[in-house]
Amino acid sequence: MSIVTVTDGSGCINLAERHAVLTVNYEITGGTGRFTDASGNITMTGTIAAILRNASNAPALLINTGEFEGTLIKDN
């Protein structure tokens, strides 16, 4: 298990396309097992969209597609 903290991020809602584009930055600061003394930074970029809505037309089920990119370093 690793210790991951969200450091910042942003989102932009596209009402015409009915989805949002997201960017989230994470910092890794250690963990347990094989992640002991691990550190690094990872960025997730993706698109989130509602694929099912409830009777009030509010999103009830979301899908998130995208990718993670970054570096994880194991010290020792």
Protein backbone atom coordinates (compact mmCIF):
# COMPACT_ATOMS: atom_id res chain seq x y z
CA MET A 1 0.00 0.00 0.00
CA SER A 2 1.28 3.49 -0.80
CA ILE A 3 0.56 6.87 0.77
CA VAL A 4 -0.89 9.14 -1.92
CA THR A 5 -2.00 12.77 -1.50
CA VAL A 6 -3.88 14.90 -4.00
CA THR A 7 -1.78 18.06 -4.42
CA ASP A 8 -3.98 19.94 -6.90
CA GLY A 9 -6.10 19.57 -9.96
CA SER A 10 -8.62 21.14 -12.26
CA GLY A 11 -11.75 20.32 -14.17
CA CYS A 12 -13.54 21.85 -17.10
CA ILE A 13 -17.18 21.01 -17.80
CA ASN A 14 -18.21 20.94 -21.45
CA LEU A 15 -22.00 21.34 -21.39
CA ALA A 16 -22.38 20.86 -25.14
CA GLU A 17 -20.52 17.52 -25.08
CA ARG A 18 -21.97 16.55 -21.67
CA HIS A 19 -18.66 15.57 -20.10
CA ALA A 20 -15.88 17.05 -17.97
CA VAL A 21 -12.13 17.00 -18.58
CA LEU A 22 -10.10 16.45 -15.40
CA THR A 23 -6.46 16.78 -14.37
CA VAL A 24 -5.42 15.61 -10.89
CA ASN A 25 -1.88 15.68 -9.49
CA TYR A 26 -0.82 13.21 -6.79
CA GLU A 27 2.25 13.03 -4.54
CA ILE A 28 3.49 9.66 -3.23
CA THR A 29 5.27 9.76 0.14
CA GLY A 30 6.05 6.23 1.27
CA GLY A 31 3.90 3.29 2.10
CA THR A 32 4.11 -0.30 3.29
CA GLY A 33 5.47 -3.52 1.84
CA ARG A 34 7.06 -3.01 -1.57
CA PHE A 35 6.16 0.72 -1.37
CA THR A 36 8.21 1.40 1.79
CA ASP A 37 10.42 4.46 1.13
CA ALA A 38 8.67 5.12 -2.19
CA SER A 39 8.23 8.67 -3.48
CA GLY A 40 7.12 10.37 -6.64
CA ASN A 41 4.52 12.34 -8.51
CA ILE A 42 1.72 11.12 -10.77
CA THR A 43 -0.74 13.04 -12.94
CA MET A 44 -4.11 11.65 -13.95
CA THR A 45 -5.79 13.16 -17.01
CA GLY A 46 -9.20 11.97 -18.02
CA THR A 47 -12.75 12.55 -19.09
CA ILE A 48 -15.75 11.88 -16.89
CA ALA A 49 -19.28 11.51 -18.25
CA ALA A 50 -22.67 10.41 -17.00
CA ILE A 51 -23.85 7.19 -18.63
CA LEU A 52 -26.99 6.78 -16.55
CA ARG A 53 -29.31 9.40 -15.06
CA ASN A 54 -32.00 9.08 -12.42
CA ALA A 55 -35.65 10.22 -12.66
CA SER A 56 -34.59 13.80 -11.78
CA ASN A 57 -32.04 13.73 -14.65
CA ALA A 58 -29.14 13.88 -12.17
CA PRO A 59 -26.09 11.70 -12.95
CA ALA A 60 -26.48 8.31 -11.28
CA LEU A 61 -23.58 6.39 -12.89
CA LEU A 62 -20.37 7.97 -14.16
CA ILE A 63 -17.58 6.64 -16.36
CA ASN A 64 -14.02 7.94 -16.09
CA THR A 65 -11.54 7.26 -18.89
CA GLY A 66 -7.99 8.51 -19.03
CA GLU A 67 -4.41 7.79 -18.10
CA PHE A 68 -1.86 8.12 -15.34
CA GLU A 69 1.67 9.36 -16.00
CA GLY A 70 4.51 9.97 -13.59
CA THR A 71 7.49 8.64 -11.72
CA LEU A 72 7.70 6.39 -8.67
CA ILE A 73 11.12 6.06 -6.98
CA LYS A 74 11.98 3.37 -4.43
CA ASP A 75 14.74 4.49 -2.03
CA ASN A 76 16.99 1.88 -0.35
